[in-house]
Amino acid sequence: MTDEQRRQVERTVTGFFQDLGCELTEYAEGHAVVALTLTERHLNNASNLHGGVTASLLDIAMGLCGTWAANPDERRVAITLSMNVNFSATAGLGSRLRAVARCRSAGHKVFMASCDLLDENDRLVGFGEGVFKKGALRRDLP
C-alpha cells in the first residue's frame, strides 16, 4: 500500500480516531499500527494514560488489521464483538505510543486480533485481544 493509500484509509477512520488525534502509521494485510502522542486530554486524574484511551487505541488498531483491502475503497468497517484489555505500565504526558495489531485468525465474516501498546522505548504499556465482525464497506457509509 502506498503512503497516499494509507492516508486515504486514515481519513476514512472517523469519529473517535480523529478526536483522539491518532495516526495510522502502518497498514498491510493482517497488520496495523496506530500511533498517538499523549497530551493532557489523554491523561487521567493521576496524570497517567487514561484506561479508556488505551482501550480505544487497541480497539482501533485491531479493527483495522482485520479489514485491510488492497484498494482502500474496498475496506470494510469492523464491529467489535468482544475485547479484553490488560494494563501493564503507565505512560505520561508527551509519551509516543504505538498500538501494534495483527490478525490472528479470520473467516469470511469474523476475525480475531491481538494488539500490543508500546511506548517510544518499546516498553509494553498494555495489550489485548478482540473478536470483530466485518461490516459494511466504508464507502457505503456516511
C-alpha atoms as a PDB file:
ATOM      1  CA  MET A   1       0.000   0.000   0.000  1.00  0.00           C
ATOM      2  CA  THR A   2       1.359   3.406  -0.913  1.00  0.00           C
ATOM      3  CA  ASP A   3       1.628   6.278   1.574  1.00  0.00           C
ATOM      4  CA  GLU A   4      -1.208   8.053  -0.263  1.00  0.00           C
ATOM      5  CA  GLN A   5      -3.467   4.987   0.027  1.00  0.00           C
ATOM      6  CA  ARG A   6      -2.612   4.728   3.751  1.00  0.00           C
ATOM      7  CA  ARG A   7      -3.533   8.403   4.211  1.00  0.00           C
ATOM      8  CA  GLN A   8      -6.770   7.764   2.293  1.00  0.00           C
ATOM      9  CA  VAL A   9      -7.657   4.993   4.744  1.00  0.00           C
ATOM     10  CA  GLU A  10      -6.649   7.207   7.682  1.00  0.00           C
ATOM     11  CA  ARG A  11      -9.089   9.892   6.503  1.00  0.00           C
ATOM     12  CA  THR A  12     -11.949   7.371   6.446  1.00  0.00           C
ATOM     13  CA  VAL A  13     -11.439   6.186  10.035  1.00  0.00           C
ATOM     14  CA  THR A  14     -13.931   8.599  11.502  1.00  0.00           C
ATOM     15  CA  GLY A  15     -15.126   9.628  14.924  1.00  0.00           C
ATOM     16  CA  PHE A  16     -13.045   8.874  17.957  1.00  0.00           C
ATOM     17  CA  PHE A  17      -9.896   8.095  15.924  1.00  0.00           C
ATOM     18  CA  GLN A  18      -9.905  11.687  14.675  1.00  0.00           C
ATOM     19  CA  ASP A  19     -10.919  13.141  18.058  1.00  0.00           C
ATOM     20  CA  LEU A  20      -8.072  11.371  19.853  1.00  0.00           C
ATOM     21  CA  GLY A  21      -5.520  12.614  17.331  1.00  0.00           C
ATOM     22  CA  CYS A  22      -4.422   9.153  16.191  1.00  0.00           C
ATOM     23  CA  GLU A  23      -2.225   8.437  13.187  1.00  0.00           C
ATOM     24  CA  LEU A  24      -2.267   5.315  11.047  1.00  0.00           C
ATOM     25  CA  THR A  25       1.464   4.724  10.594  1.00  0.00           C
ATOM     26  CA  GLU A  26       1.452   1.203   9.114  1.00  0.00           C
ATOM     27  CA  TYR A  27      -1.275  -0.691   7.308  1.00  0.00           C
ATOM     28  CA  ALA A  28      -0.942  -4.003   5.484  1.00  0.00           C
ATOM     29  CA  GLU A  29      -2.809  -7.273   5.218  1.00  0.00           C
ATOM     30  CA  GLY A  30      -3.317  -8.594   8.752  1.00  0.00           C
ATOM     31  CA  HIS A  31      -1.311  -5.762  10.350  1.00  0.00           C
ATOM     32  CA  ALA A  32      -1.975  -2.204  11.523  1.00  0.00           C
ATOM     33  CA  VAL A  33      -0.092   0.296  13.658  1.00  0.00           C
ATOM     34  CA  VAL A  34      -1.867   3.287  15.188  1.00  0.00           C
ATOM     35  CA  ALA A  35       0.231   5.960  16.914  1.00  0.00           C
ATOM     36  CA  LEU A  36      -0.596   8.714  19.371  1.00  0.00           C
ATOM     37  CA  THR A  37       1.451  11.311  21.250  1.00  0.00           C
ATOM     38  CA  LEU A  38      -0.125  11.861  24.664  1.00  0.00           C
ATOM     39  CA  THR A  39      -1.432  15.310  25.517  1.00  0.00           C
ATOM     40  CA  GLU A  40      -3.204  16.440  28.685  1.00  0.00           C
ATOM     41  CA  ARG A  41      -6.596  15.346  27.326  1.00  0.00           C
ATOM     42  CA  HIS A  42      -5.352  11.720  27.174  1.00  0.00           C
ATOM     43  CA  LEU A  43      -4.458  11.567  30.884  1.00  0.00           C
ATOM     44  CA  ASN A  44      -6.412  10.509  33.967  1.00  0.00           C
ATOM     45  CA  ASN A  45      -6.534  12.330  37.328  1.00  0.00           C
ATOM     46  CA  ALA A  46      -3.174  10.780  38.284  1.00  0.00           C
ATOM     47  CA  SER A  47      -1.563  12.377  35.183  1.00  0.00           C
ATOM     48  CA  ASN A  48      -1.113   8.973  33.527  1.00  0.00           C
ATOM     49  CA  LEU A  49      -2.557   7.481  30.353  1.00  0.00           C
ATOM     50  CA  HIS A  50      -6.317   7.077  30.766  1.00  0.00           C
ATOM     51  CA  GLY A  51      -7.534   3.481  30.522  1.00  0.00           C
ATOM     52  CA  GLY A  52     -10.201   4.486  28.025  1.00  0.00           C
ATOM     53  CA  VAL A  53      -7.532   5.804  25.674  1.00  0.00           C
ATOM     54  CA  THR A  54      -5.633   2.518  26.000  1.00  0.00           C
ATOM     55  CA  ALA A  55      -8.773   0.537  25.157  1.00  0.00           C
ATOM     56  CA  SER A  56      -9.579   2.832  22.242  1.00  0.00           C
ATOM     57  CA  LEU A  57      -6.106   2.508  20.703  1.00  0.00           C
ATOM     58  CA  LEU A  58      -6.249  -1.283  20.937  1.00  0.00           C
ATOM     59  CA  ASP A  59      -9.790  -1.386  19.525  1.00  0.00           C
ATOM     60  CA  ILE A  60      -8.968   0.888  16.579  1.00  0.00           C
ATOM     61  CA  ALA A  61      -5.758  -0.938  15.628  1.00  0.00           C
ATOM     62  CA  MET A  62      -7.298  -4.398  15.922  1.00  0.00           C
ATOM     63  CA  GLY A  63     -10.340  -3.374  13.909  1.00  0.00           C
ATOM     64  CA  LEU A  64      -8.128  -2.027  11.146  1.00  0.00           C
ATOM     65  CA  CYS A  65      -5.798  -5.035  10.961  1.00  0.00           C
ATOM     66  CA  GLY A  66      -8.661  -7.341  10.038  1.00  0.00           C
ATOM     67  CA  THR A  67     -10.301  -5.084   7.459  1.00  0.00           C
ATOM     68  CA  TRP A  68      -7.345  -4.364   5.185  1.00  0.00           C
ATOM     69  CA  ALA A  69      -8.048  -4.261   1.452  1.00  0.00           C
ATOM     70  CA  ALA A  70      -5.567  -3.675  -1.373  1.00  0.00           C
ATOM     71  CA  ASN A  71      -7.921  -0.997  -2.699  1.00  0.00           C
ATOM     72  CA  PRO A  72      -8.896   1.419   0.114  1.00  0.00           C
ATOM     73  CA  ASP A  73     -12.363   1.779  -1.472  1.00  0.00           C
ATOM     74  CA  GLU A  74     -12.985  -1.904  -0.716  1.00  0.00           C
ATOM     75  CA  ARG A  75     -12.206  -1.630   3.026  1.00  0.00           C
ATOM     76  CA  ARG A  76     -14.955  -2.773   5.361  1.00  0.00           C
ATOM     77  CA  VAL A  77     -15.590  -1.385   8.825  1.00  0.00           C
ATOM     78  CA  ALA A  78     -15.062  -3.556  11.897  1.00  0.00           C
ATOM     79  CA  ILE A  79     -17.678  -4.127  14.574  1.00  0.00           C
ATOM     80  CA  THR A  80     -16.216  -5.104  17.950  1.00  0.00           C
ATOM     81  CA  LEU A  81     -17.933  -8.190  19.345  1.00  0.00           C
ATOM     82  CA  SER A  82     -15.687  -8.652  22.380  1.00  0.00           C
ATOM     83  CA  MET A  83     -12.417  -7.242  23.622  1.00  0.00           C
ATOM     84  CA  ASN A  84     -10.063  -7.942  26.504  1.00  0.00           C
ATOM     85  CA  VAL A  85      -7.737  -5.168  27.690  1.00  0.00           C
ATOM     86  CA  ASN A  86      -4.765  -5.571  30.024  1.00  0.00           C
ATOM     87  CA  PHE A  87      -2.835  -2.678  31.554  1.00  0.00           C
ATOM     88  CA  SER A  88       0.840  -3.317  32.282  1.00  0.00           C
ATOM     89  CA  ALA A  89       2.523   0.092  32.755  1.00  0.00           C
ATOM     90  CA  THR A  90       1.792   3.795  32.952  1.00  0.00           C
ATOM     91  CA  ALA A  91       2.629   6.439  30.366  1.00  0.00           C
ATOM     92  CA  GLY A  92       2.710  10.182  30.870  1.00  0.00           C
ATOM     93  CA  LEU A  93       2.423  13.460  29.035  1.00  0.00           C
ATOM     94  CA  GLY A  94       4.401  13.527  25.791  1.00  0.00           C
ATOM     95  CA  SER A  95       4.788   9.763  25.515  1.00  0.00           C
ATOM     96  CA  ARG A  96       4.602   8.441  21.964  1.00  0.00           C
ATOM     97  CA  LEU A  97       2.520   5.259  21.899  1.00  0.00           C
ATOM     98  CA  ARG A  98       2.065   2.660  19.165  1.00  0.00           C
ATOM     99  CA  ALA A  99      -0.749   0.127  19.060  1.00  0.00           C
ATOM    100  CA  VAL A 100       0.663  -2.745  17.012  1.00  0.00           C
ATOM    101  CA  ALA A 101      -2.097  -5.120  15.939  1.00  0.00           C
ATOM    102  CA  ARG A 102      -2.135  -8.334  13.989  1.00  0.00           C
ATOM    103  CA  CYS A 103      -4.945 -10.516  12.755  1.00  0.00           C
ATOM    104  CA  ARG A 104      -4.665 -13.940  14.398  1.00  0.00           C
ATOM    105  CA  SER A 105      -7.445 -15.755  12.549  1.00  0.00           C
ATOM    106  CA  ALA A 106     -10.071 -14.699  10.038  1.00  0.00           C
ATOM    107  CA  GLY A 107     -13.120 -16.166   8.407  1.00  0.00           C
ATOM    108  CA  HIS A 108     -15.498 -14.670   5.891  1.00  0.00           C
ATOM    109  CA  LYS A 109     -17.337 -12.519   8.473  1.00  0.00           C
ATOM    110  CA  VAL A 110     -15.473 -12.731  11.803  1.00  0.00           C
ATOM    111  CA  PHE A 111     -11.805 -12.221  12.703  1.00  0.00           C
ATOM    112  CA  MET A 112      -9.694 -12.354  15.845  1.00  0.00           C
ATOM    113  CA  ALA A 113      -6.843  -9.980  16.568  1.00  0.00           C
ATOM    114  CA  SER A 114      -4.247  -9.204  19.210  1.00  0.00           C
ATOM    115  CA  CYS A 115      -2.501  -5.933  19.946  1.00  0.00           C
ATOM    116  CA  ASP A 116       0.422  -4.612  21.992  1.00  0.00           C
ATOM    117  CA  LEU A 117       0.526  -0.987  23.121  1.00  0.00           C
ATOM    118  CA  LEU A 118       4.174   0.114  23.229  1.00  0.00           C
ATOM    119  CA  ASP A 119       5.868   3.358  24.223  1.00  0.00           C
ATOM    120  CA  GLU A 120       8.774   5.000  22.385  1.00  0.00           C
ATOM    121  CA  ASN A 121      11.206   2.646  24.178  1.00  0.00           C
ATOM    122  CA  ASP A 122       9.187  -0.458  23.167  1.00  0.00           C
ATOM    123  CA  ARG A 123       8.017  -0.896  26.759  1.00  0.00           C
ATOM    124  CA  LEU A 124       4.703  -2.770  26.964  1.00  0.00           C
ATOM    125  CA  VAL A 125       2.070  -0.357  28.292  1.00  0.00           C
ATOM    126  CA  GLY A 126      -0.958  -2.539  27.572  1.00  0.00           C
ATOM    127  CA  PHE A 127      -2.158  -5.414  25.439  1.00  0.00           C
ATOM    128  CA  GLY A 128      -5.379  -7.018  24.369  1.00  0.00           C
ATOM    129  CA  GLU A 129      -7.303  -9.394  22.175  1.00  0.00           C
ATOM    130  CA  GLY A 130     -10.581  -8.990  20.375  1.00  0.00           C
ATOM    131  CA  VAL A 131     -13.195 -10.618  18.197  1.00  0.00           C
ATOM    132  CA  PHE A 132     -14.599  -8.491  15.390  1.00  0.00           C
ATOM    133  CA  LYS A 133     -17.227  -8.756  12.688  1.00  0.00           C
ATOM    134  CA  LYS A 134     -16.615  -7.350   9.227  1.00  0.00           C
ATOM    135  CA  GLY A 135     -19.324  -4.783   8.496  1.00  0.00           C
ATOM    136  CA  ALA A 136     -20.349  -2.649   5.559  1.00  0.00           C
ATOM    137  CA  LEU A 137     -17.982  -1.222   3.008  1.00  0.00           C
ATOM    138  CA  ARG A 138     -16.667   2.066   4.377  1.00  0.00           C
ATOM    139  CA  ARG A 139     -17.530   3.852   1.122  1.00  0.00           C
ATOM    140  CA  ASP A 140     -21.235   2.998   1.608  1.00  0.00           C
ATOM    141  CA  LEU A 141     -21.433   4.744   4.984  1.00  0.00           C
ATOM    142  CA  PRO A 142     -21.789   8.466   5.735  1.00  0.00           C
END
